[in-house]
Amino acid sequence: MVYGSETWTLYKHQIKKLRTIQQRHLRSILKIKWDDYVTNDEVLDRAMAEDVENILIRNRLRWVGMLYVCRMIDQLKH
């Protein structure tokens, strides 16, 4: 979970850095060496993980949806 990511303003270079960190950690956990020539997609598949950019997008959409529902409830009360 990427805490607080719902409100982050992210740029391409920041997403690239987050993806690099994610891949580095997954490769370390799975004990995959750089000279094994394993693609990033294969690393994600082996770890049964999702790309960090997809996680951030899903979190933001979920938060916006929940915010919309809360506003609708407040409007119905008044």
PDB file of N, CA and C in Angstrom:
ATOM      1  N   MET A   1       0.844  -1.175   0.000  1.00  0.00           N
ATOM      2  CA  MET A   1       0.000   0.000   0.000  1.00  0.00           C
ATOM      3  C   MET A   1       0.883   1.230   0.000  1.00  0.00           C
ATOM      4  N   VAL A   2       0.519   2.186  -0.794  1.00  0.00           N
ATOM      5  CA  VAL A   2       1.255   3.440  -0.870  1.00  0.00           C
ATOM      6  C   VAL A   2       0.401   4.481  -0.148  1.00  0.00           C
ATOM      7  N   TYR A   3       0.714   4.704   1.119  1.00  0.00           N
ATOM      8  CA  TYR A   3      -0.114   5.532   1.980  1.00  0.00           C
ATOM      9  C   TYR A   3      -0.115   6.994   1.546  1.00  0.00           C
ATOM     10  N   GLY A   4      -1.297   7.577   1.478  1.00  0.00           N
ATOM     11  CA  GLY A   4      -1.440   8.977   1.118  1.00  0.00           C
ATOM     12  C   GLY A   4      -1.324   9.253  -0.360  1.00  0.00           C
ATOM     13  N   SER A   5      -1.175   8.225  -1.178  1.00  0.00           N
ATOM     14  CA  SER A   5      -0.946   8.425  -2.612  1.00  0.00           C
ATOM     15  C   SER A   5      -2.163   8.992  -3.329  1.00  0.00           C
ATOM     16  N   GLU A   6      -3.314   8.958  -2.678  1.00  0.00           N
ATOM     17  CA  GLU A   6      -4.534   9.469  -3.294  1.00  0.00           C
ATOM     18  C   GLU A   6      -4.422  10.951  -3.606  1.00  0.00           C
ATOM     19  N   THR A   7      -3.653  11.668  -2.821  1.00  0.00           N
ATOM     20  CA  THR A   7      -3.574  13.125  -2.970  1.00  0.00           C
ATOM     21  C   THR A   7      -2.252  13.591  -3.585  1.00  0.00           C
ATOM     22  N   TRP A   8      -1.381  12.685  -3.927  1.00  0.00           N
ATOM     23  CA  TRP A   8      -0.101  13.073  -4.504  1.00  0.00           C
ATOM     24  C   TRP A   8      -0.287  13.615  -5.914  1.00  0.00           C
ATOM     25  N   THR A   9       0.490  14.636  -6.242  1.00  0.00           N
ATOM     26  CA  THR A   9       0.610  15.079  -7.622  1.00  0.00           C
ATOM     27  C   THR A   9       1.905  14.464  -8.136  1.00  0.00           C
ATOM     28  N   LEU A  10       1.783  13.548  -9.075  1.00  0.00           N
ATOM     29  CA  LEU A  10       2.962  12.832  -9.552  1.00  0.00           C
ATOM     30  C   LEU A  10       3.284  13.194 -10.996  1.00  0.00           C
ATOM     31  N   TYR A  11       4.553  13.270 -11.267  1.00  0.00           N
ATOM     32  CA  TYR A  11       5.047  13.524 -12.607  1.00  0.00           C
ATOM     33  C   TYR A  11       5.730  12.257 -13.115  1.00  0.00           C
ATOM     34  N   LYS A  12       5.966  12.201 -14.416  1.00  0.00           N
ATOM     35  CA  LYS A  12       6.527  10.992 -15.018  1.00  0.00           C
ATOM     36  C   LYS A  12       7.857  10.594 -14.373  1.00  0.00           C
ATOM     37  N   HIS A  13       8.709  11.567 -14.081  1.00  0.00           N
ATOM     38  CA  HIS A  13      10.010  11.219 -13.506  1.00  0.00           C
ATOM     39  C   HIS A  13       9.856  10.642 -12.093  1.00  0.00           C
ATOM     40  N   GLN A  14       8.838  11.075 -11.358  1.00  0.00           N
ATOM     41  CA  GLN A  14       8.609  10.531 -10.018  1.00  0.00           C
ATOM     42  C   GLN A  14       8.054   9.103 -10.101  1.00  0.00           C
ATOM     43  N   ILE A  15       7.158   8.864 -11.055  1.00  0.00           N
ATOM     44  CA  ILE A  15       6.625   7.511 -11.249  1.00  0.00           C
ATOM     45  C   ILE A  15       7.750   6.578 -11.674  1.00  0.00           C
ATOM     46  N   LYS A  16       8.649   7.066 -12.511  1.00  0.00           N
ATOM     47  CA  LYS A  16       9.788   6.251 -12.945  1.00  0.00           C
ATOM     48  C   LYS A  16      10.661   5.865 -11.748  1.00  0.00           C
ATOM     49  N   LYS A  17      10.883   6.808 -10.841  1.00  0.00           N
ATOM     50  CA  LYS A  17      11.685   6.515  -9.648  1.00  0.00           C
ATOM     51  C   LYS A  17      10.987   5.500  -8.750  1.00  0.00           C
ATOM     52  N   LEU A  18       9.672   5.661  -8.567  1.00  0.00           N
ATOM     53  CA  LEU A  18       8.925   4.701  -7.754  1.00  0.00           C
ATOM     54  C   LEU A  18       8.954   3.306  -8.373  1.00  0.00           C
ATOM     55  N   ARG A  19       8.830   3.233  -9.708  1.00  0.00           N
ATOM     56  CA  ARG A  19       8.878   1.946 -10.406  1.00  0.00           C
ATOM     57  C   ARG A  19      10.268   1.306 -10.241  1.00  0.00           C
ATOM     58  N   THR A  20      11.317   2.125 -10.298  1.00  0.00           N
ATOM     59  CA  THR A  20      12.675   1.617 -10.124  1.00  0.00           C
ATOM     60  C   THR A  20      12.852   1.032  -8.728  1.00  0.00           C
ATOM     61  N   ILE A  21      12.369   1.741  -7.722  1.00  0.00           N
ATOM     62  CA  ILE A  21      12.461   1.251  -6.345  1.00  0.00           C
ATOM     63  C   ILE A  21      11.686  -0.050  -6.185  1.00  0.00           C
ATOM     64  N   GLN A  22      10.471  -0.090  -6.748  1.00  0.00           N
ATOM     65  CA  GLN A  22       9.653  -1.296  -6.661  1.00  0.00           C
ATOM     66  C   GLN A  22      10.379  -2.490  -7.290  1.00  0.00           C
ATOM     67  N   GLN A  23      10.932  -2.293  -8.478  1.00  0.00           N
ATOM     68  CA  GLN A  23      11.618  -3.381  -9.159  1.00  0.00           C
ATOM     69  C   GLN A  23      12.869  -3.826  -8.400  1.00  0.00           C
ATOM     70  N   ARG A  24      13.611  -2.864  -7.871  1.00  0.00           N
ATOM     71  CA  ARG A  24      14.822  -3.196  -7.120  1.00  0.00           C
ATOM     72  C   ARG A  24      14.483  -4.059  -5.903  1.00  0.00           C
ATOM     73  N   HIS A  25      13.428  -3.680  -5.196  1.00  0.00           N
ATOM     74  CA  HIS A  25      13.041  -4.430  -3.997  1.00  0.00           C
ATOM     75  C   HIS A  25      12.490  -5.813  -4.361  1.00  0.00           C
ATOM     76  N   LEU A  26      11.664  -5.892  -5.398  1.00  0.00           N
ATOM     77  CA  LEU A  26      11.128  -7.191  -5.800  1.00  0.00           C
ATOM     78  C   LEU A  26      12.245  -8.134  -6.258  1.00  0.00           C
ATOM     79  N   ARG A  27      13.195  -7.607  -7.014  1.00  0.00           N
ATOM     80  CA  ARG A  27      14.322  -8.433  -7.457  1.00  0.00           C
ATOM     81  C   ARG A  27      15.136  -8.935  -6.265  1.00  0.00           C
ATOM     82  N   SER A  28      15.281  -8.090  -5.271  1.00  0.00           N
ATOM     83  CA  SER A  28      16.008  -8.484  -4.067  1.00  0.00           C
ATOM     84  C   SER A  28      15.253  -9.576  -3.312  1.00  0.00           C
ATOM     85  N   ILE A  29      13.953  -9.394  -3.143  1.00  0.00           N
ATOM     86  CA  ILE A  29      13.134 -10.370  -2.428  1.00  0.00           C
ATOM     87  C   ILE A  29      13.140 -11.716  -3.150  1.00  0.00           C
ATOM     88  N   LEU A  30      13.022 -11.668  -4.491  1.00  0.00           N
ATOM     89  CA  LEU A  30      12.974 -12.897  -5.287  1.00  0.00           C
ATOM     90  C   LEU A  30      14.365 -13.457  -5.609  1.00  0.00           C
ATOM     91  N   LYS A  31      15.409 -12.756  -5.153  1.00  0.00           N
ATOM     92  CA  LYS A  31      16.797 -13.170  -5.393  1.00  0.00           C
ATOM     93  C   LYS A  31      17.095 -13.314  -6.885  1.00  0.00           C
ATOM     94  N   ILE A  32      16.653 -12.318  -7.647  1.00  0.00           N
ATOM     95  CA  ILE A  32      16.926 -12.269  -9.087  1.00  0.00           C
ATOM     96  C   ILE A  32      18.095 -11.313  -9.290  1.00  0.00           C
ATOM     97  N   LYS A  33      19.127 -11.804  -9.927  1.00  0.00           N
ATOM     98  CA  LYS A  33      20.304 -10.984 -10.196  1.00  0.00           C
ATOM     99  C   LYS A  33      20.101 -10.229 -11.508  1.00  0.00           C
ATOM    100  N   TRP A  34      20.826  -9.110 -11.647  1.00  0.00           N
ATOM    101  CA  TRP A  34      20.692  -8.312 -12.865  1.00  0.00           C
ATOM    102  C   TRP A  34      21.177  -9.068 -14.088  1.00  0.00           C
ATOM    103  N   ASP A  35      22.144  -9.945 -13.927  1.00  0.00           N
ATOM    104  CA  ASP A  35      22.658 -10.669 -15.097  1.00  0.00           C
ATOM    105  C   ASP A  35      21.799 -11.877 -15.468  1.00  0.00           C
ATOM    106  N   ASP A  36      20.656 -12.069 -14.786  1.00  0.00           N
ATOM    107  CA  ASP A  36      19.726 -13.136 -15.146  1.00  0.00           C
ATOM    108  C   ASP A  36      18.835 -12.741 -16.321  1.00  0.00           C
ATOM    109  N   TYR A  37      18.855 -11.483 -16.704  1.00  0.00           N
ATOM    110  CA  TYR A  37      18.079 -10.966 -17.837  1.00  0.00           C
ATOM    111  C   TYR A  37      16.598 -11.294 -17.715  1.00  0.00           C
ATOM    112  N   VAL A  38      16.023 -10.951 -16.589  1.00  0.00           N
ATOM    113  CA  VAL A  38      14.594 -11.137 -16.344  1.00  0.00           C
ATOM    114  C   VAL A  38      13.926  -9.777 -16.553  1.00  0.00           C
ATOM    115  N   THR A  39      12.880  -9.740 -17.383  1.00  0.00           N
ATOM    116  CA  THR A  39      12.204  -8.471 -17.665  1.00  0.00           C
ATOM    117  C   THR A  39      11.425  -7.999 -16.434  1.00  0.00           C
ATOM    118  N   ASN A  40      11.114  -6.716 -16.436  1.00  0.00           N
ATOM    119  CA  ASN A  40      10.338  -6.146 -15.333  1.00  0.00           C
ATOM    120  C   ASN A  40       8.954  -6.774 -15.248  1.00  0.00           C
ATOM    121  N   ASP A  41       8.348  -7.048 -16.389  1.00  0.00           N
ATOM    122  CA  ASP A  41       7.033  -7.697 -16.392  1.00  0.00           C
ATOM    123  C   ASP A  41       7.106  -9.087 -15.776  1.00  0.00           C
ATOM    124  N   GLU A  42       8.171  -9.814 -16.079  1.00  0.00           N
ATOM    125  CA  GLU A  42       8.353 -11.155 -15.513  1.00  0.00           C
ATOM    126  C   GLU A  42       8.557 -11.073 -14.002  1.00  0.00           C
ATOM    127  N   VAL A  43       9.278 -10.060 -13.546  1.00  0.00           N
ATOM    128  CA  VAL A  43       9.480  -9.874 -12.101  1.00  0.00           C
ATOM    129  C   VAL A  43       8.129  -9.643 -11.423  1.00  0.00           C
ATOM    130  N   LEU A  44       7.294  -8.780 -12.010  1.00  0.00           N
ATOM    131  CA  LEU A  44       5.971  -8.520 -11.438  1.00  0.00           C
ATOM    132  C   LEU A  44       5.123  -9.786 -11.426  1.00  0.00           C
ATOM    133  N   ASP A  45       5.202 -10.580 -12.496  1.00  0.00           N
ATOM    134  CA  ASP A  45       4.442 -11.835 -12.555  1.00  0.00           C
ATOM    135  C   ASP A  45       4.901 -12.814 -11.478  1.00  0.00           C
ATOM    136  N   ARG A  46       6.210 -12.959 -11.338  1.00  0.00           N
ATOM    137  CA  ARG A  46       6.736 -13.891 -10.338  1.00  0.00           C
ATOM    138  C   ARG A  46       6.352 -13.478  -8.917  1.00  0.00           C
ATOM    139  N   ALA A  47       6.315 -12.167  -8.691  1.00  0.00           N
ATOM    140  CA  ALA A  47       5.991 -11.660  -7.356  1.00  0.00           C
ATOM    141  C   ALA A  47       4.479 -11.545  -7.152  1.00  0.00           C
ATOM    142  N   MET A  48       3.727 -11.811  -8.197  1.00  0.00           N
ATOM    143  CA  MET A  48       2.273 -11.624  -8.168  1.00  0.00           C
ATOM    144  C   MET A  48       1.935 -10.215  -7.675  1.00  0.00           C
ATOM    145  N   ALA A  49       2.676  -9.244  -8.226  1.00  0.00           N
ATOM    146  CA  ALA A  49       2.527  -7.845  -7.837  1.00  0.00           C
ATOM    147  C   ALA A  49       1.999  -7.046  -9.015  1.00  0.00           C
ATOM    148  N   GLU A  50       1.563  -5.845  -8.715  1.00  0.00           N
ATOM    149  CA  GLU A  50       1.042  -4.937  -9.724  1.00  0.00           C
ATOM    150  C   GLU A  50       2.005  -3.765  -9.860  1.00  0.00           C
ATOM    151  N   ASP A  51       2.083  -3.216 -11.043  1.00  0.00           N
ATOM    152  CA  ASP A  51       2.940  -2.064 -11.282  1.00  0.00           C
ATOM    153  C   ASP A  51       2.524  -0.910 -10.378  1.00  0.00           C
ATOM    154  N   VAL A  52       3.482  -0.191  -9.856  1.00  0.00           N
ATOM    155  CA  VAL A  52       3.214   0.872  -8.894  1.00  0.00           C
ATOM    156  C   VAL A  52       2.331   1.958  -9.497  1.00  0.00           C
ATOM    157  N   GLU A  53       2.464   2.231 -10.777  1.00  0.00           N
ATOM    158  CA  GLU A  53       1.629   3.257 -11.414  1.00  0.00           C
ATOM    159  C   GLU A  53       0.156   2.845 -11.395  1.00  0.00           C
ATOM    160  N   ASN A  54      -0.126   1.582 -11.659  1.00  0.00           N
ATOM    161  CA  ASN A  54      -1.507   1.090 -11.610  1.00  0.00           C
ATOM    162  C   ASN A  54      -2.084   1.194 -10.199  1.00  0.00           C
ATOM    163  N   ILE A  55      -1.253   0.907  -9.206  1.00  0.00           N
ATOM    164  CA  ILE A  55      -1.694   1.004  -7.817  1.00  0.00           C
ATOM    165  C   ILE A  55      -2.056   2.450  -7.482  1.00  0.00           C
ATOM    166  N   LEU A  56      -1.213   3.384  -7.901  1.00  0.00           N
ATOM    167  CA  LEU A  56      -1.462   4.793  -7.622  1.00  0.00           C
ATOM    168  C   LEU A  56      -2.742   5.279  -8.298  1.00  0.00           C
ATOM    169  N   ILE A  57      -2.946   4.880  -9.541  1.00  0.00           N
ATOM    170  CA  ILE A  57      -4.153   5.280 -10.270  1.00  0.00           C
ATOM    171  C   ILE A  57      -5.393   4.708  -9.597  1.00  0.00           C
ATOM    172  N   ARG A  58      -5.346   3.436  -9.233  1.00  0.00           N
ATOM    173  CA  ARG A  58      -6.497   2.796  -8.587  1.00  0.00           C
ATOM    174  C   ARG A  58      -6.820   3.466  -7.250  1.00  0.00           C
ATOM    175  N   ASN A  59      -5.785   3.784  -6.468  1.00  0.00           N
ATOM    176  CA  ASN A  59      -6.003   4.459  -5.181  1.00  0.00           C
ATOM    177  C   ASN A  59      -6.660   5.820  -5.376  1.00  0.00           C
ATOM    178  N   ARG A  60      -6.181   6.554  -6.367  1.00  0.00           N
ATOM    179  CA  ARG A  60      -6.739   7.882  -6.614  1.00  0.00           C
ATOM    180  C   ARG A  60      -8.192   7.787  -7.069  1.00  0.00           C
ATOM    181  N   LEU A  61      -8.499   6.856  -7.942  1.00  0.00           N
ATOM    182  CA  LEU A  61      -9.870   6.698  -8.411  1.00  0.00           C
ATOM    183  C   LEU A  61     -10.796   6.258  -7.285  1.00  0.00           C
ATOM    184  N   ARG A  62     -10.320   5.371  -6.443  1.00  0.00           N
ATOM    185  CA  ARG A  62     -11.123   4.913  -5.303  1.00  0.00           C
ATOM    186  C   ARG A  62     -11.411   6.083  -4.363  1.00  0.00           C
ATOM    187  N   TRP A  63     -10.398   6.898  -4.107  1.00  0.00           N
ATOM    188  CA  TRP A  63     -10.559   8.027  -3.203  1.00  0.00           C
ATOM    189  C   TRP A  63     -11.534   9.044  -3.778  1.00  0.00           C
ATOM    190  N   VAL A  64     -11.427   9.336  -5.063  1.00  0.00           N
ATOM    191  CA  VAL A  64     -12.337  10.281  -5.708  1.00  0.00           C
ATOM    192  C   VAL A  64     -13.760   9.744  -5.671  1.00  0.00           C
ATOM    193  N   GLY A  65     -13.932   8.456  -5.907  1.00  0.00           N
ATOM    194  CA  GLY A  65     -15.258   7.855  -5.858  1.00  0.00           C
ATOM    195  C   GLY A  65     -15.860   7.936  -4.473  1.00  0.00           C
ATOM    196  N   MET A  66     -15.072   7.675  -3.462  1.00  0.00           N
ATOM    197  CA  MET A  66     -15.563   7.741  -2.084  1.00  0.00           C
ATOM    198  C   MET A  66     -15.894   9.178  -1.707  1.00  0.00           C
ATOM    199  N   LEU A  67     -15.092  10.106  -2.183  1.00  0.00           N
ATOM    200  CA  LEU A  67     -15.342  11.511  -1.905  1.00  0.00           C
ATOM    201  C   LEU A  67     -16.665  11.929  -2.539  1.00  0.00           C
ATOM    202  N   TYR A  68     -16.927  11.476  -3.730  1.00  0.00           N
ATOM    203  CA  TYR A  68     -18.169  11.787  -4.430  1.00  0.00           C
ATOM    204  C   TYR A  68     -19.371  11.239  -3.659  1.00  0.00           C
ATOM    205  N   VAL A  69     -19.272  10.017  -3.170  1.00  0.00           N
ATOM    206  CA  VAL A  69     -20.363   9.414  -2.407  1.00  0.00           C
ATOM    207  C   VAL A  69     -20.617  10.207  -1.129  1.00  0.00           C
ATOM    208  N   CYS A  70     -19.567  10.624  -0.445  1.00  0.00           N
ATOM    209  CA  CYS A  70     -19.721  11.412   0.779  1.00  0.00           C
ATOM    210  C   CYS A  70     -20.417  12.730   0.488  1.00  0.00           C
ATOM    211  N   ARG A  71     -20.077  13.378  -0.610  1.00  0.00           N
ATOM    212  CA  ARG A  71     -20.723  14.634  -0.972  1.00  0.00           C
ATOM    213  C   ARG A  71     -22.199  14.414  -1.270  1.00  0.00           C
ATOM    214  N   MET A  72     -22.515  13.309  -1.943  1.00  0.00           N
ATOM    215  CA  MET A  72     -23.904  13.014  -2.274  1.00  0.00           C
ATOM    216  C   MET A  72     -24.721  12.798  -0.993  1.00  0.00           C
ATOM    217  N   ILE A  73     -24.151  12.121  -0.021  1.00  0.00           N
ATOM    218  CA  ILE A  73     -24.845  11.871   1.255  1.00  0.00           C
ATOM    219  C   ILE A  73     -25.084  13.192   1.976  1.00  0.00           C
ATOM    220  N   ASP A  74     -24.079  14.076   1.974  1.00  0.00           N
ATOM    221  CA  ASP A  74     -24.239  15.379   2.613  1.00  0.00           C
ATOM    222  C   ASP A  74     -25.328  16.197   1.932  1.00  0.00           C
ATOM    223  N   GLN A  75     -25.410  16.136   0.631  1.00  0.00           N
ATOM    224  CA  GLN A  75     -26.433  16.879  -0.099  1.00  0.00           C
ATOM    225  C   GLN A  75     -27.823  16.355   0.213  1.00  0.00           C
ATOM    226  N   LEU A  76     -27.948  15.034   0.379  1.00  0.00           N
ATOM    227  CA  LEU A  76     -29.248  14.444   0.686  1.00  0.00           C
ATOM    228  C   LEU A  76     -29.723  14.832   2.094  1.00  0.00           C
ATOM    229  N   LYS A  77     -28.800  15.037   3.013  1.00  0.00           N
ATOM    230  CA  LYS A  77     -29.147  15.396   4.384  1.00  0.00           C
ATOM    231  C   LYS A  77     -29.699  16.817   4.468  1.00  0.00           C
ATOM    232  N   HIS A  78     -29.261  17.704   3.571  1.00  0.00           N
ATOM    233  CA  HIS A  78     -29.684  19.108   3.643  1.00  0.00           C
ATOM    234  C   HIS A  78     -30.895  19.306   2.838  1.00  0.00           C
TER     235      HIS A  78
END
